[in-house]
C-alpha atoms as a PDB file:
ATOM      1  CA  MET A   1      -8.892-269.815  22.626  1.00  0.00           C
ATOM      2  CA  LYS A   2     -11.793-267.214  23.483  1.00  0.00           C
ATOM      3  CA  GLY A   3     -11.264-267.759  27.179  1.00  0.00           C
ATOM      4  CA  ARG A   4      -7.671-267.078  26.942  1.00  0.00           C
ATOM      5  CA  LYS A   5      -8.253-263.884  25.134  1.00  0.00           C
ATOM      6  CA  LYS A   6     -10.861-262.815  27.829  1.00  0.00           C
ATOM      7  CA  LYS A   7      -8.215-263.326  30.607  1.00  0.00           C
ATOM      8  CA  GLN A   8      -5.603-261.405  28.719  1.00  0.00           C
ATOM      9  CA  LYS A   9      -7.884-258.571  28.247  1.00  0.00           C
ATOM     10  CA  ARG A  10      -8.736-258.585  31.987  1.00  0.00           C
ATOM     11  CA  ALA A  11      -5.253-258.515  32.892  1.00  0.00           C
ATOM     12  CA  TYR A  12      -4.507-255.547  30.590  1.00  0.00           C
ATOM     13  CA  VAL A  13      -7.430-253.638  32.266  1.00  0.00           C
ATOM     14  CA  TRP A  14      -6.187-254.298  35.614  1.00  0.00           C
ATOM     15  CA  PHE A  15      -2.838-253.455  34.750  1.00  0.00           C
ATOM     16  CA  PHE A  16      -3.995-250.028  33.639  1.00  0.00           C
ATOM     17  CA  VAL A  17      -6.334-249.507  36.324  1.00  0.00           C
ATOM     18  CA  SER A  18      -3.604-250.243  39.020  1.00  0.00           C
ATOM     19  CA  THR A  19      -0.726-248.028  37.320  1.00  0.00           C
ATOM     20  CA  ALA A  20      -3.311-245.275  37.104  1.00  0.00           C
ATOM     21  CA  LEU A  21      -4.284-245.739  40.826  1.00  0.00           C
ATOM     22  CA  LEU A  22      -0.615-245.857  41.719  1.00  0.00           C
ATOM     23  CA  ILE A  23       0.133-242.607  39.956  1.00  0.00           C
ATOM     24  CA  PHE A  24      -2.872-240.841  41.604  1.00  0.00           C
ATOM     25  CA  LEU A  25      -1.712-241.989  45.171  1.00  0.00           C
ATOM     26  CA  VAL A  26       1.758-240.764  44.547  1.00  0.00           C
ATOM     27  CA  ALA A  27       0.408-237.661  43.277  1.00  0.00           C
ATOM     28  CA  CYS A  28      -1.594-237.001  46.425  1.00  0.00           C
ATOM     29  CA  GLY A  29       1.233-238.034  48.680  1.00  0.00           C
ATOM     30  CA  GLY A  30       3.596-235.517  46.914  1.00  0.00           C
ATOM     31  CA  GLY A  31       0.960-232.851  47.182  1.00  0.00           C
ATOM     32  CA  GLU A  32       0.739-233.388  50.918  1.00  0.00           C
ATOM     33  CA  GLU A  33       4.486-233.459  51.307  1.00  0.00           C
ATOM     34  CA  LYS A  34       4.711-230.043  49.438  1.00  0.00           C
ATOM     35  CA  SER A  35       1.910-228.819  51.505  1.00  0.00           C
ATOM     36  CA  GLU A  36       3.782-229.755  54.758  1.00  0.00           C
ATOM     37  CA  THR A  37       6.957-228.147  53.549  1.00  0.00           C
ATOM     38  CA  ALA A  38       5.289-224.908  52.415  1.00  0.00           C
ATOM     39  CA  GLY A  39       3.673-224.948  55.908  1.00  0.00           C
ATOM     40  CA  ALA A  40       6.983-225.250  57.525  1.00  0.00           C
ATOM     41  CA  GLU A  41       8.576-222.502  55.761  1.00  0.00           C
ATOM     42  CA  ASN A  42       5.674-220.226  56.659  1.00  0.00           C
ATOM     43  CA  GLU A  43       6.179-221.286  60.268  1.00  0.00           C
ATOM     44  CA  LYS A  44       9.794-220.058  60.093  1.00  0.00           C
ATOM     45  CA  THR A  45       8.742-216.476  58.827  1.00  0.00           C
ATOM     46  CA  ILE A  46       9.564-213.846  61.337  1.00  0.00           C
ATOM     47  CA  LYS A  47       7.332-210.829  61.388  1.00  0.00           C
ATOM     48  CA  LEU A  48       8.204-207.720  63.094  1.00  0.00           C
ATOM     49  CA  SER A  49       6.077-204.548  63.439  1.00  0.00           C
ATOM     50  CA  TYR A  50       7.816-201.055  63.114  1.00  0.00           C
ATOM     51  CA  ALA A  51       5.917-197.923  64.466  1.00  0.00           C
ATOM     52  CA  PHE A  52       6.559-194.284  63.789  1.00  0.00           C
ATOM     53  CA  PHE A  53       4.601-191.261  64.678  1.00  0.00           C
ATOM     54  CA  ALA A  54       4.856-189.185  61.539  1.00  0.00           C
ATOM     55  CA  PRO A  55       3.113-189.801  58.034  1.00  0.00           C
ATOM     56  CA  SER A  56       4.824-192.162  55.381  1.00  0.00           C
ATOM     57  CA  GLY A  57       6.175-189.457  53.083  1.00  0.00           C
ATOM     58  CA  THR A  58       8.340-188.016  55.812  1.00  0.00           C
ATOM     59  CA  PHE A  59      12.189-188.658  55.386  1.00  0.00           C
ATOM     60  CA  PRO A  60      12.427-190.975  58.728  1.00  0.00           C
ATOM     61  CA  ALA A  61       9.730-193.155  57.225  1.00  0.00           C
ATOM     62  CA  VAL A  62      11.578-193.330  53.953  1.00  0.00           C
ATOM     63  CA  GLN A  63      14.197-194.786  56.227  1.00  0.00           C
ATOM     64  CA  MET A  64      12.072-197.307  57.594  1.00  0.00           C
ATOM     65  CA  GLU A  65      10.846-198.408  54.139  1.00  0.00           C
ATOM     66  CA  LYS A  66      14.637-198.927  53.085  1.00  0.00           C
ATOM     67  CA  TRP A  67      15.365-200.777  56.114  1.00  0.00           C
ATOM     68  CA  LYS A  68      12.518-203.117  55.552  1.00  0.00           C
ATOM     69  CA  GLU A  69      13.433-203.627  51.915  1.00  0.00           C
ATOM     70  CA  GLU A  70      17.162-204.454  52.762  1.00  0.00           C
ATOM     71  CA  LEU A  71      16.331-206.776  55.900  1.00  0.00           C
ATOM     72  CA  GLU A  72      13.751-208.869  53.890  1.00  0.00           C
ATOM     73  CA  LYS A  73      16.043-208.982  50.709  1.00  0.00           C
ATOM     74  CA  ARG A  74      19.197-210.029  52.883  1.00  0.00           C
ATOM     75  CA  THR A  75      17.344-212.668  55.045  1.00  0.00           C
ATOM     76  CA  ASP A  76      15.690-214.069  51.639  1.00  0.00           C
ATOM     77  CA  GLY A  77      12.225-213.395  52.990  1.00  0.00           C
ATOM     78  CA  GLN A  78      13.003-215.039  56.266  1.00  0.00           C
ATOM     79  CA  VAL A  79      11.616-211.743  57.956  1.00  0.00           C
ATOM     80  CA  GLU A  80       8.655-209.588  57.091  1.00  0.00           C
ATOM     81  CA  ILE A  81       8.269-206.078  58.460  1.00  0.00           C
ATOM     82  CA  ASP A  82       4.873-204.348  58.946  1.00  0.00           C
ATOM     83  CA  LEU A  83       5.241-200.700  58.911  1.00  0.00           C
ATOM     84  CA  PHE A  84       2.790-198.443  60.802  1.00  0.00           C
ATOM     85  CA  PHE A  85       3.127-194.698  60.137  1.00  0.00           C
ATOM     86  CA  GLY A  86       1.297-191.709  61.332  1.00  0.00           C
ATOM     87  CA  GLY A  87       0.797-192.601  65.111  1.00  0.00           C
ATOM     88  CA  SER A  88      -1.428-195.676  63.890  1.00  0.00           C
ATOM     89  CA  LEU A  89       0.300-197.908  66.381  1.00  0.00           C
ATOM     90  CA  LEU A  90       2.364-195.638  68.702  1.00  0.00           C
ATOM     91  CA  GLU A  91       2.673-191.961  69.108  1.00  0.00           C
ATOM     92  CA  ALA A  92       5.948-189.779  69.820  1.00  0.00           C
ATOM     93  CA  ASN A  93       4.937-189.432  73.419  1.00  0.00           C
ATOM     94  CA  ASN A  94       4.676-193.510  74.214  1.00  0.00           C
ATOM     95  CA  MET A  95       7.084-194.812  71.677  1.00  0.00           C
ATOM     96  CA  PHE A  96       9.677-195.996  74.138  1.00  0.00           C
ATOM     97  CA  GLU A  97       7.157-197.389  76.517  1.00  0.00           C
ATOM     98  CA  GLY A  98       5.086-198.991  73.551  1.00  0.00           C
ATOM     99  CA  VAL A  99       8.033-200.935  72.365  1.00  0.00           C
ATOM    100  CA  ALA A 100       9.156-201.935  76.003  1.00  0.00           C
ATOM    101  CA  GLN A 101       5.674-203.259  76.510  1.00  0.00           C
ATOM    102  CA  GLY A 102       5.596-205.022  73.027  1.00  0.00           C
ATOM    103  CA  THR A 103       2.889-203.068  71.523  1.00  0.00           C
ATOM    104  CA  ALA A 104       5.395-202.549  68.676  1.00  0.00           C
ATOM    105  CA  ASP A 105       8.516-204.650  68.187  1.00  0.00           C
ATOM    106  CA  ILE A 106      10.380-201.577  66.853  1.00  0.00           C
ATOM    107  CA  GLY A 107       9.872-197.993  67.361  1.00  0.00           C
ATOM    108  CA  LEU A 108      11.354-194.796  65.707  1.00  0.00           C
ATOM    109  CA  THR A 109      11.192-191.515  67.627  1.00  0.00           C
ATOM    110  CA  SER A 110      13.220-188.343  68.340  1.00  0.00           C
ATOM    111  CA  THR A 111      15.273-187.785  71.353  1.00  0.00           C
ATOM    112  CA  SER A 112      14.506-184.207  71.272  1.00  0.00           C
ATOM    113  CA  TYR A 113      10.610-184.992  72.200  1.00  0.00           C
ATOM    114  CA  GLU A 114      12.052-186.195  75.589  1.00  0.00           C
ATOM    115  CA  PRO A 115      13.800-183.272  77.487  1.00  0.00           C
ATOM    116  CA  GLY A 116      16.119-184.465  80.149  1.00  0.00           C
ATOM    117  CA  ARG A 117      16.048-188.119  79.196  1.00  0.00           C
ATOM    118  CA  PHE A 118      19.151-188.071  77.060  1.00  0.00           C
ATOM    119  CA  PRO A 119      21.607-185.446  78.453  1.00  0.00           C
ATOM    120  CA  LEU A 120      24.533-186.441  76.328  1.00  0.00           C
ATOM    121  CA  ILE A 121      22.639-186.400  73.112  1.00  0.00           C
ATOM    122  CA  GLU A 122      21.291-182.841  74.083  1.00  0.00           C
ATOM    123  CA  ILE A 123      24.823-181.847  73.671  1.00  0.00           C
ATOM    124  CA  SER A 124      25.300-183.039  70.217  1.00  0.00           C
ATOM    125  CA  ASN A 125      21.852-181.588  69.235  1.00  0.00           C
ATOM    126  CA  LEU A 126      22.883-177.951  70.108  1.00  0.00           C
ATOM    127  CA  PRO A 127      24.396-175.718  67.498  1.00  0.00           C
ATOM    128  CA  SER A 128      27.664-177.287  66.534  1.00  0.00           C
ATOM    129  CA  ASP A 129      28.398-176.142  62.896  1.00  0.00           C
ATOM    130  CA  TYR A 130      26.979-179.195  61.345  1.00  0.00           C
ATOM    131  CA  PRO A 131      27.195-178.664  57.506  1.00  0.00           C
ATOM    132  CA  ASN A 132      24.269-180.928  56.683  1.00  0.00           C
ATOM    133  CA  SER A 133      22.278-184.128  57.732  1.00  0.00           C
ATOM    134  CA  GLU A 134      24.899-186.614  56.061  1.00  0.00           C
ATOM    135  CA  VAL A 135      27.520-185.411  58.489  1.00  0.00           C
ATOM    136  CA  ALA A 136      25.263-184.912  61.386  1.00  0.00           C
ATOM    137  CA  SER A 137      23.909-188.412  61.135  1.00  0.00           C
ATOM    138  CA  GLN A 138      27.225-190.300  61.031  1.00  0.00           C
ATOM    139  CA  VAL A 139      28.333-188.098  63.842  1.00  0.00           C
ATOM    140  CA  VAL A 140      25.101-188.980  66.218  1.00  0.00           C
ATOM    141  CA  HIS A 141      25.464-192.609  65.159  1.00  0.00           C
ATOM    142  CA  ASP A 142      29.005-192.839  66.246  1.00  0.00           C
ATOM    143  CA  LEU A 143      28.241-190.831  69.594  1.00  0.00           C
ATOM    144  CA  ILE A 144      25.391-193.195  70.398  1.00  0.00           C
ATOM    145  CA  GLU A 145      27.510-196.242  69.716  1.00  0.00           C
ATOM    146  CA  LYS A 146      30.431-194.816  71.748  1.00  0.00           C
ATOM    147  CA  TYR A 147      28.116-193.483  74.715  1.00  0.00           C
ATOM    148  CA  PRO A 148      24.893-195.690  74.758  1.00  0.00           C
ATOM    149  CA  PRO A 149      22.153-193.635  76.557  1.00  0.00           C
ATOM    150  CA  GLU A 150      21.296-195.056  79.824  1.00  0.00           C
ATOM    151  CA  ALA A 151      17.687-194.607  78.961  1.00  0.00           C
ATOM    152  CA  LEU A 152      17.895-197.139  76.167  1.00  0.00           C
ATOM    153  CA  LYS A 153      19.896-199.700  78.038  1.00  0.00           C
ATOM    154  CA  ASP A 154      16.726-202.142  77.972  1.00  0.00           C
ATOM    155  CA  PHE A 155      16.306-201.685  74.269  1.00  0.00           C
ATOM    156  CA  LYS A 156      18.463-202.948  71.099  1.00  0.00           C
ATOM    157  CA  ILE A 157      19.360-199.929  69.034  1.00  0.00           C
ATOM    158  CA  ILE A 158      18.670-200.623  65.477  1.00  0.00           C
ATOM    159  CA  THR A 159      19.929-197.327  63.907  1.00  0.00           C
ATOM    160  CA  SER A 160      20.240-193.739  64.765  1.00  0.00           C
ATOM    161  CA  PHE A 161      20.597-190.551  62.564  1.00  0.00           C
ATOM    162  CA  ALA A 162      19.991-186.779  62.647  1.00  0.00           C
ATOM    163  CA  THR A 163      18.458-183.968  60.602  1.00  0.00           C
ATOM    164  CA  GLU A 164      20.503-181.007  58.959  1.00  0.00           C
ATOM    165  CA  PRO A 165      20.578-177.888  61.318  1.00  0.00           C
ATOM    166  CA  ALA A 166      17.065-176.336  61.952  1.00  0.00           C
ATOM    167  CA  TYR A 167      16.207-173.070  60.442  1.00  0.00           C
ATOM    168  CA  ILE A 168      13.600-170.477  61.457  1.00  0.00           C
ATOM    169  CA  GLN A 169      10.516-171.008  58.916  1.00  0.00           C
ATOM    170  CA  SER A 170       7.992-168.023  59.700  1.00  0.00           C
ATOM    171  CA  ILE A 171       4.996-166.367  58.241  1.00  0.00           C
ATOM    172  CA  ASP A 172       6.715-162.875  58.662  1.00  0.00           C
ATOM    173  CA  PRO A 173      10.425-162.359  57.842  1.00  0.00           C
ATOM    174  CA  ILE A 174      12.813-162.645  60.625  1.00  0.00           C
ATOM    175  CA  SER A 175      16.334-161.114  60.053  1.00  0.00           C
ATOM    176  CA  ASN A 176      17.157-159.801  63.618  1.00  0.00           C
ATOM    177  CA  LEU A 177      16.673-160.207  67.075  1.00  0.00           C
ATOM    178  CA  GLU A 178      14.077-157.376  67.523  1.00  0.00           C
ATOM    179  CA  GLU A 179      11.845-159.293  64.558  1.00  0.00           C
ATOM    180  CA  LEU A 180      12.364-162.572  66.608  1.00  0.00           C
ATOM    181  CA  SER A 181      11.497-161.148  69.752  1.00  0.00           C
ATOM    182  CA  GLY A 182       8.424-162.728  71.229  1.00  0.00           C
ATOM    183  CA  LYS A 183       7.751-164.720  68.197  1.00  0.00           C
ATOM    184  CA  GLN A 184       5.569-167.975  68.920  1.00  0.00           C
ATOM    185  CA  LEU A 185       7.896-170.681  67.111  1.00  0.00           C
ATOM    186  CA  ARG A 186       7.481-174.388  67.356  1.00  0.00           C
ATOM    187  CA  ILE A 187      10.375-176.374  68.202  1.00  0.00           C
ATOM    188  CA  SER A 188      11.086-179.937  69.635  1.00  0.00           C
ATOM    189  CA  GLY A 189      10.892-179.752  73.388  1.00  0.00           C
ATOM    190  CA  GLY A 190      14.542-180.467  74.251  1.00  0.00           C
ATOM    191  CA  LEU A 191      15.787-177.684  72.369  1.00  0.00           C
ATOM    192  CA  THR A 192      13.693-174.779  73.796  1.00  0.00           C
ATOM    193  CA  PRO A 193      16.382-173.129  75.614  1.00  0.00           C
ATOM    194  CA  VAL A 194      17.928-171.994  72.211  1.00  0.00           C
ATOM    195  CA  MET A 195      14.996-170.103  71.132  1.00  0.00           C
ATOM    196  CA  GLU A 196      14.434-168.709  74.574  1.00  0.00           C
ATOM    197  CA  LYS A 197      18.085-167.433  74.647  1.00  0.00           C
ATOM    198  CA  LEU A 198      17.376-165.917  71.159  1.00  0.00           C
ATOM    199  CA  GLY A 199      14.284-163.969  72.667  1.00  0.00           C
ATOM    200  CA  ALA A 200      11.447-166.043  70.920  1.00  0.00           C
ATOM    201  CA  ALA A 201       8.572-167.765  72.558  1.00  0.00           C
ATOM    202  CA  PRO A 202       9.117-171.499  71.830  1.00  0.00           C
ATOM    203  CA  VAL A 203       6.188-173.588  71.840  1.00  0.00           C
ATOM    204  CA  GLY A 204       6.817-177.514  72.085  1.00  0.00           C
ATOM    205  CA  MET A 205       4.829-179.894  69.886  1.00  0.00           C
ATOM    206  CA  SER A 206       5.513-182.812  67.357  1.00  0.00           C
ATOM    207  CA  GLN A 207       6.090-182.027  63.833  1.00  0.00           C
ATOM    208  CA  SER A 208       2.707-183.514  62.872  1.00  0.00           C
ATOM    209  CA  GLU A 209       0.867-180.857  64.714  1.00  0.00           C
ATOM    210  CA  VAL A 210       2.362-177.891  62.979  1.00  0.00           C
ATOM    211  CA  PRO A 211       0.315-177.504  60.006  1.00  0.00           C
ATOM    212  CA  GLU A 212      -2.654-177.075  62.017  1.00  0.00           C
ATOM    213  CA  ALA A 213      -1.115-174.834  64.549  1.00  0.00           C
ATOM    214  CA  LEU A 214       0.097-172.531  61.854  1.00  0.00           C
ATOM    215  CA  GLN A 215      -3.406-172.182  60.195  1.00  0.00           C
ATOM    216  CA  THR A 216      -4.986-171.482  63.307  1.00  0.00           C
ATOM    217  CA  GLY A 217      -2.533-168.780  64.546  1.00  0.00           C
ATOM    218  CA  VAL A 218      -1.300-171.041  67.620  1.00  0.00           C
ATOM    219  CA  ILE A 219       2.337-170.341  66.276  1.00  0.00           C
ATOM    220  CA  GLU A 220       3.845-167.929  63.878  1.00  0.00           C
ATOM    221  CA  GLY A 221       6.592-170.272  62.597  1.00  0.00           C
ATOM    222  CA  ASN A 222       8.384-173.533  62.868  1.00  0.00           C
ATOM    223  CA  VAL A 223      12.106-174.153  63.708  1.00  0.00           C
ATOM    224  CA  SER A 224      13.320-177.508  62.054  1.00  0.00           C
ATOM    225  CA  SER A 225      15.074-179.054  59.145  1.00  0.00           C
ATOM    226  CA  ARG A 226      13.674-177.608  55.830  1.00  0.00           C
ATOM    227  CA  GLU A 227      12.355-180.987  54.257  1.00  0.00           C
ATOM    228  CA  VAL A 228       8.945-180.158  56.124  1.00  0.00           C
ATOM    229  CA  LEU A 229       8.313-177.169  53.968  1.00  0.00           C
ATOM    230  CA  LYS A 230       7.382-179.884  51.225  1.00  0.00           C
ATOM    231  CA  ASP A 231       6.698-182.879  53.350  1.00  0.00           C
ATOM    232  CA  PHE A 232       4.039-181.100  55.375  1.00  0.00           C
ATOM    233  CA  LYS A 233       3.303-178.453  52.979  1.00  0.00           C
ATOM    234  CA  LEU A 234       4.237-175.823  55.415  1.00  0.00           C
ATOM    235  CA  ALA A 235       5.302-173.464  52.582  1.00  0.00           C
ATOM    236  CA  GLU A 236       1.747-172.890  51.953  1.00  0.00           C
ATOM    237  CA  THR A 237       1.729-171.000  54.986  1.00  0.00           C
ATOM    238  CA  VAL A 238       5.194-169.920  56.063  1.00  0.00           C
ATOM    239  CA  LYS A 239       6.889-167.875  53.350  1.00  0.00           C
ATOM    240  CA  HIS A 240      10.211-167.154  54.944  1.00  0.00           C
ATOM    241  CA  VAL A 241      13.308-169.114  56.086  1.00  0.00           C
ATOM    242  CA  THR A 242      15.990-167.273  58.018  1.00  0.00           C
ATOM    243  CA  ASP A 243      19.594-168.184  56.982  1.00  0.00           C
ATOM    244  CA  TYR A 244      21.015-169.080  60.195  1.00  0.00           C
ATOM    245  CA  PRO A 245      21.480-172.873  61.171  1.00  0.00           C
ATOM    246  CA  LEU A 246      20.589-173.988  64.634  1.00  0.00           C
ATOM    247  CA  THR A 247      19.940-177.174  66.388  1.00  0.00           C
ATOM    248  CA  VAL A 248      19.767-180.853  64.896  1.00  0.00           C
ATOM    249  CA  THR A 249      16.980-183.308  65.881  1.00  0.00           C
ATOM    250  CA  SER A 250      18.234-186.886  66.618  1.00  0.00           C
ATOM    251  CA  PHE A 251      16.184-189.944  65.863  1.00  0.00           C
ATOM    252  CA  VAL A 252      16.733-193.361  67.142  1.00  0.00           C
ATOM    253  CA  ALA A 253      15.086-196.790  66.318  1.00  0.00           C
ATOM    254  CA  VAL A 254      14.882-199.194  69.180  1.00  0.00           C
ATOM    255  CA  MET A 255      13.784-202.756  69.216  1.00  0.00           C
ATOM    256  CA  ASN A 256      12.118-204.737  72.216  1.00  0.00           C
ATOM    257  CA  LYS A 257      14.966-206.435  73.871  1.00  0.00           C
ATOM    258  CA  ASP A 258      13.096-209.986  74.318  1.00  0.00           C
ATOM    259  CA  LYS A 259      12.224-209.646  70.745  1.00  0.00           C
ATOM    260  CA  TRP A 260      15.954-209.068  69.639  1.00  0.00           C
ATOM    261  CA  GLU A 261      17.094-212.051  71.752  1.00  0.00           C
ATOM    262  CA  SER A 262      14.664-214.406  70.265  1.00  0.00           C
ATOM    263  CA  LEU A 263      15.830-213.592  66.676  1.00  0.00           C
ATOM    264  CA  PRO A 264      18.218-215.977  64.959  1.00  0.00           C
ATOM    265  CA  GLU A 265      21.710-215.052  64.713  1.00  0.00           C
ATOM    266  CA  ASN A 266      21.782-214.634  60.993  1.00  0.00           C
ATOM    267  CA  VAL A 267      18.886-212.031  61.383  1.00  0.00           C
ATOM    268  CA  GLN A 268      20.716-210.366  64.083  1.00  0.00           C
ATOM    269  CA  LYS A 269      23.766-210.052  62.018  1.00  0.00           C
ATOM    270  CA  VAL A 270      21.939-208.410  59.137  1.00  0.00           C
ATOM    271  CA  ILE A 271      20.289-205.803  61.443  1.00  0.00           C
ATOM    272  CA  ASP A 272      23.523-204.968  62.838  1.00  0.00           C
ATOM    273  CA  GLU A 273      25.179-204.431  59.498  1.00  0.00           C
ATOM    274  CA  LEU A 274      22.200-202.093  58.640  1.00  0.00           C
ATOM    275  CA  ASN A 275      22.849-199.895  61.594  1.00  0.00           C
ATOM    276  CA  ALA A 276      25.605-197.659  60.276  1.00  0.00           C
ATOM    277  CA  GLU A 277      24.328-198.145  56.468  1.00  0.00           C
ATOM    278  CA  MET A 278      21.042-196.605  57.213  1.00  0.00           C
ATOM    279  CA  SER A 279      22.501-193.533  59.164  1.00  0.00           C
ATOM    280  CA  VAL A 280      24.547-192.854  56.048  1.00  0.00           C
ATOM    281  CA  PHE A 281      21.621-193.571  53.706  1.00  0.00           C
ATOM    282  CA  THR A 282      19.245-191.399  55.679  1.00  0.00           C
ATOM    283  CA  GLY A 283      21.615-188.254  55.887  1.00  0.00           C
ATOM    284  CA  LYS A 284      22.237-188.283  52.318  1.00  0.00           C
ATOM    285  CA  TYR A 285      18.682-188.881  51.233  1.00  0.00           C
ATOM    286  CA  LEU A 286      17.587-185.924  53.608  1.00  0.00           C
ATOM    287  CA  ASP A 287      20.059-183.553  52.196  1.00  0.00           C
ATOM    288  CA  GLU A 288      18.934-184.156  48.680  1.00  0.00           C
ATOM    289  CA  HIS A 289      15.365-183.994  49.699  1.00  0.00           C
ATOM    290  CA  VAL A 290      16.071-180.437  51.458  1.00  0.00           C
ATOM    291  CA  ALA A 291      17.437-179.300  48.279  1.00  0.00           C
ATOM    292  CA  GLU A 292      14.313-180.364  46.436  1.00  0.00           C
ATOM    293  CA  ALA A 293      11.991-179.004  49.013  1.00  0.00           C
ATOM    294  CA  MET A 294      13.524-175.675  49.000  1.00  0.00           C
ATOM    295  CA  GLU A 295      13.430-175.464  45.256  1.00  0.00           C
ATOM    296  CA  TRP A 296       9.856-176.565  45.398  1.00  0.00           C
ATOM    297  CA  SER A 297       8.981-173.966  47.859  1.00  0.00           C
ATOM    298  CA  LYS A 298      10.639-171.111  46.183  1.00  0.00           C
ATOM    299  CA  GLU A 299       8.981-171.894  42.749  1.00  0.00           C
ATOM    300  CA  GLU A 300       5.387-173.111  43.932  1.00  0.00           C
ATOM    301  CA  GLU A 301       4.881-171.010  47.251  1.00  0.00           C
ATOM    302  CA  SER A 302       7.145-168.186  46.546  1.00  0.00           C
ATOM    303  CA  LEU A 303       9.172-168.898  49.587  1.00  0.00           C
ATOM    304  CA  LYS A 304      12.129-166.321  50.427  1.00  0.00           C
ATOM    305  CA  VAL A 305      15.321-166.889  52.236  1.00  0.00           C
ATOM    306  CA  VAL A 306      15.955-163.963  54.599  1.00  0.00           C
ATOM    307  CA  ASP A 307      19.696-163.093  54.931  1.00  0.00           C
ATOM    308  CA  VAL A 308      21.215-162.342  58.452  1.00  0.00           C
ATOM    309  CA  THR A 309      23.794-159.609  58.222  1.00  0.00           C
ATOM    310  CA  GLU A 310      27.386-160.353  59.435  1.00  0.00           C
ATOM    311  CA  ALA A 311      26.908-158.020  62.644  1.00  0.00           C
ATOM    312  CA  GLU A 312      23.653-159.556  63.350  1.00  0.00           C
ATOM    313  CA  ARG A 313      25.098-163.118  62.951  1.00  0.00           C
ATOM    314  CA  ASP A 314      27.903-162.177  65.660  1.00  0.00           C
ATOM    315  CA  LYS A 315      25.047-161.355  68.024  1.00  0.00           C
ATOM    316  CA  TRP A 316      23.274-164.653  67.629  1.00  0.00           C
ATOM    317  CA  ASN A 317      26.701-166.482  67.995  1.00  0.00           C
ATOM    318  CA  GLU A 318      27.418-164.644  70.993  1.00  0.00           C
ATOM    319  CA  ILE A 319      24.118-165.312  72.796  1.00  0.00           C
ATOM    320  CA  LEU A 320      24.318-168.993  71.783  1.00  0.00           C
ATOM    321  CA  SER A 321      27.965-169.483  72.543  1.00  0.00           C
ATOM    322  CA  GLY A 322      27.514-170.683  76.085  1.00  0.00           C
ATOM    323  CA  ILE A 323      24.445-172.866  75.752  1.00  0.00           C
ATOM    324  CA  GLN A 324      26.339-175.979  75.097  1.00  0.00           C
ATOM    325  CA  GLU A 325      28.807-175.589  77.685  1.00  0.00           C
ATOM    326  CA  GLU A 326      25.737-175.407  80.088  1.00  0.00           C
ATOM    327  CA  ALA A 327      24.548-178.908  78.784  1.00  0.00           C
ATOM    328  CA  VAL A 328      28.148-179.984  79.171  1.00  0.00           C
ATOM    329  CA  GLU A 329      28.217-179.082  82.721  1.00  0.00           C
ATOM    330  CA  LYS A 330      24.889-180.411  83.483  1.00  0.00           C
ATOM    331  CA  ALA A 331      25.954-183.745  82.214  1.00  0.00           C
ATOM    332  CA  GLU A 332      28.933-183.839  84.318  1.00  0.00           C
ATOM    333  CA  GLU A 333      26.900-182.891  87.382  1.00  0.00           C
ATOM    334  CA  GLN A 334      24.860-186.168  86.633  1.00  0.00           C
ATOM    335  CA  GLY A 335      28.222-188.306  86.516  1.00  0.00           C
ATOM    336  CA  LEU A 336      28.222-188.216  82.750  1.00  0.00           C
ATOM    337  CA  PRO A 337      31.391-187.578  80.545  1.00  0.00           C
ATOM    338  CA  GLY A 338      30.039-184.453  79.118  1.00  0.00           C
ATOM    339  CA  GLU A 339      33.391-182.822  78.394  1.00  0.00           C
ATOM    340  CA  GLU A 340      34.723-185.908  76.702  1.00  0.00           C
ATOM    341  CA  TYR A 341      31.494-186.415  74.745  1.00  0.00           C
ATOM    342  CA  ARG A 342      31.801-182.840  73.571  1.00  0.00           C
ATOM    343  CA  ASP A 343      35.251-183.078  72.476  1.00  0.00           C
ATOM    344  CA  HIS A 344      34.526-186.293  70.581  1.00  0.00           C
ATOM    345  CA  LEU A 345      31.622-184.423  68.858  1.00  0.00           C
ATOM    346  CA  TYR A 346      34.008-181.844  67.074  1.00  0.00           C
ATOM    347  CA  GLU A 347      36.376-184.683  66.244  1.00  0.00           C
ATOM    348  CA  LEU A 348      33.719-186.449  64.467  1.00  0.00           C
ATOM    349  CA  ILE A 349      32.387-183.272  62.725  1.00  0.00           C
ATOM    350  CA  LYS A 350      35.762-182.655  61.528  1.00  0.00           C
ATOM    351  CA  LYS A 351      36.372-186.339  60.480  1.00  0.00           C
ATOM    352  CA  TYR A 352      33.309-186.604  58.346  1.00  0.00           C
ATOM    353  CA  SER A 353      33.275-183.189  56.893  1.00  0.00           C
ATOM    354  CA  GLU A 354      36.526-183.571  55.205  1.00  0.00           C
END
């Protein structure tokens, strides 16, 4: 009887030991499977680098943040974007070359910084009666879609947009051609002829160089859209904005062509969907931000808006009236559809302004 009980006891012990061992092995196996699955998921994650030359607080950089957020959300985390601001990866003067060489997968820069490289876009950058950035951004986007720049044929264009018209932002007030004459004013390189026509002494440099150039007396003012008064704290130095709209500055974001072709079809689809969306978003954001920057500059830095009389405005208009036609003729001489481009430009301005 005792022997039988001992056998039963041993049987129970072995049963429990075997069950525990089985549970342990299953748990270990499940953990390995889970780990392998997680590893596979991580391998599928696509990481892209996106470079820009200006600081993170600027309006093009805000666009980058929004684009990153939307792309990552719409691909359910399949894509991760690393943003590099302030020239930490590529500068304005080597953005296109850097993306072509794969230093960054995507780069954002201004076409105005490369005079002569974008002859058609130069036409639409010149004074064209744009009411704001929202209209200018959509117009520039549509023009680039319809007339893709030859200089970008080896890239994938991700999005494009434009600033509001530029305004003279100066240390001393400028209300007429006499006060403008000889003034050292910064303007993006491709738009230099505008200020030369008006008698100023334009200085080509990137926006990020402007604060120091103002403080050291290298320049006496800046010509650009007005959000920089707050973004770059220019209102601490320049105290006047001349109420006369000038040029716009166009921006384009491009991706390395090989990188684009390596992306899954679903990711490409989302990026294409975001192209026009980001143009509209950026234009609206900038217009709101300009209003905020102007209010801040007036309240915190005593900025003043300088009026230009109607008679004086007519003088400026007459001087600049032929400059766009010169750009059209120059494009035609290069075998490009300059006249068609200009006509479509004004059709689009009317369309998006209504």
